[in-house]
Amino acid sequence: QVQLVESGGGLVQAGGSLRLSCAASGIIFSRYAMGWYRQAPGKEREFVATITSGGSTRYADSVKGRFTISRDNAKSTVYLQMNSVKLEDTAVYYCTEGNRWGQGTQVTVSS
């Protein structure tokens, strides 16, 4: 059974940093591209970042230069380092391996 469990969300001031984690189980993690998406209140879920099995990364324009996605295959975990956060980064953040989603972790940015 595939499980994706996000953690690391919380309340952070604008300009601050936060690191999200997503631990995967039930898959051969190293073979999968992994992605982060987010959904703000009243909005559709949107792409944030992805990392391939080989480590290539891609980012949404809105987070490029501020967020960094990385992975640790030994721990079956993908990370999202969020720096210089903005109010508009407030959302529930989800990870995915392309077919399934975790339960999400709330990130709230305060002014």
Protein backbone atom coordinates (compact mmCIF):
# COMPACT_ATOMS: atom_id res chain seq x y z
CA GLN A 1 0.00 0.00 0.00
CA VAL A 2 1.42 3.33 -1.10
CA GLN A 3 1.59 6.02 1.57
CA LEU A 4 2.81 9.58 1.30
CA VAL A 5 3.05 11.50 4.57
CA GLU A 6 3.84 15.19 4.54
CA SER A 7 5.17 17.08 7.55
CA GLY A 8 6.92 20.30 8.46
CA GLY A 9 4.16 22.80 7.84
CA GLY A 10 3.28 25.53 10.27
CA LEU A 11 3.10 29.27 10.83
CA VAL A 12 5.98 31.35 9.50
CA GLN A 13 6.52 35.07 9.10
CA ALA A 14 6.88 36.59 5.67
CA GLY A 15 10.52 36.46 4.65
CA GLY A 16 11.16 33.39 6.77
CA SER A 17 11.94 29.78 5.92
CA LEU A 18 10.33 26.40 6.32
CA ARG A 19 11.25 22.88 5.21
CA LEU A 20 8.58 20.41 4.25
CA SER A 21 9.15 16.67 4.14
CA CYS A 22 7.24 13.87 2.45
CA ALA A 23 8.01 10.31 3.48
CA ALA A 24 6.99 7.62 1.02
CA SER A 25 6.37 3.94 1.59
CA GLY A 26 5.04 1.11 -0.52
CA ILE A 27 6.96 2.17 -3.63
CA ILE A 28 10.50 1.81 -4.94
CA PHE A 29 11.07 5.47 -4.21
CA SER A 30 14.26 5.89 -6.22
CA ARG A 31 12.42 5.04 -9.43
CA TYR A 32 9.79 7.74 -9.10
CA ALA A 33 9.69 11.39 -9.96
CA MET A 34 8.20 13.26 -7.02
CA GLY A 35 6.29 16.50 -6.96
CA TRP A 36 4.97 19.16 -4.63
CA TYR A 37 1.67 20.93 -5.26
CA ARG A 38 -0.31 23.39 -3.19
CA GLN A 39 -3.87 24.52 -2.79
CA ALA A 40 -4.83 27.87 -1.33
CA PRO A 41 -8.35 28.53 0.03
CA GLY A 42 -10.82 28.97 -2.79
CA LYS A 43 -8.26 28.10 -5.45
CA GLU A 44 -7.39 25.05 -7.49
CA ARG A 45 -4.43 22.87 -6.67
CA GLU A 46 -1.33 24.14 -8.47
CA PHE A 47 2.09 22.80 -9.34
CA VAL A 48 5.02 23.92 -7.19
CA ALA A 49 8.03 21.78 -8.01
CA THR A 50 9.10 18.38 -9.24
CA ILE A 51 12.24 16.28 -9.11
CA THR A 52 12.95 13.33 -11.39
CA SER A 53 14.48 10.03 -10.34
CA GLY A 54 17.75 11.35 -11.71
CA GLY A 55 17.57 14.56 -9.70
CA SER A 56 16.50 17.03 -12.37
CA THR A 57 14.22 19.73 -11.02
CA ARG A 58 11.56 22.07 -12.32
CA TYR A 59 9.73 24.88 -10.56
CA ALA A 60 6.69 27.04 -10.94
CA ASP A 61 7.66 30.59 -11.86
CA SER A 62 6.07 31.84 -8.65
CA VAL A 63 8.57 29.95 -6.46
CA LYS A 64 11.67 29.84 -8.67
CA GLY A 65 14.71 31.12 -6.83
CA ARG A 66 12.99 30.81 -3.43
CA PHE A 67 12.05 27.13 -3.10
CA THR A 68 14.30 24.11 -3.53
CA ILE A 69 13.12 20.55 -4.01
CA SER A 70 15.44 17.69 -3.10
CA ARG A 71 15.28 14.00 -2.35
CA ASP A 72 16.98 11.42 -0.17
CA ASN A 73 16.45 8.01 -1.74
CA ALA A 74 17.93 6.23 1.27
CA LYS A 75 15.16 7.72 3.41
CA SER A 76 12.46 7.56 0.71
CA THR A 77 11.82 11.22 1.40
CA VAL A 78 11.38 14.31 -0.73
CA TYR A 79 11.86 17.79 0.70
CA LEU A 80 10.76 21.29 -0.15
CA GLN A 81 12.95 24.03 1.28
CA MET A 82 10.95 27.24 1.30
CA ASN A 83 12.92 30.48 1.70
CA SER A 84 11.82 34.11 1.53
CA VAL A 85 8.21 33.02 1.91
CA LYS A 86 5.43 35.38 0.93
CA LEU A 87 1.84 35.77 2.08
CA GLU A 88 0.72 34.18 -1.17
CA ASP A 89 2.58 30.98 -0.31
CA THR A 90 -0.11 30.22 2.27
CA ALA A 91 -1.69 26.93 1.25
CA VAL A 92 -1.96 23.24 1.98
CA TYR A 93 1.07 21.56 0.43
CA TYR A 94 0.81 18.07 -1.01
CA CYS A 95 3.34 15.63 -2.38
CA THR A 96 2.68 13.12 -5.12
CA GLU A 97 4.40 10.36 -7.05
CA GLY A 98 2.10 10.97 -9.98
CA ASN A 99 -0.81 8.80 -8.96
CA ARG A 100 -1.44 9.34 -5.28
CA TRP A 101 -1.46 12.23 -2.87
CA GLY A 102 -0.55 12.65 0.74
CA GLN A 103 -2.89 14.22 3.26
CA GLY A 104 -1.18 17.58 2.97
CA THR A 105 0.51 19.93 5.41
CA GLN A 106 -0.69 23.46 6.10
CA VAL A 107 1.67 26.37 5.57
CA THR A 108 0.51 29.75 6.81
CA VAL A 109 2.57 32.87 6.17
CA SER A 110 1.89 35.85 8.40
CA SER A 111 2.81 39.49 7.85
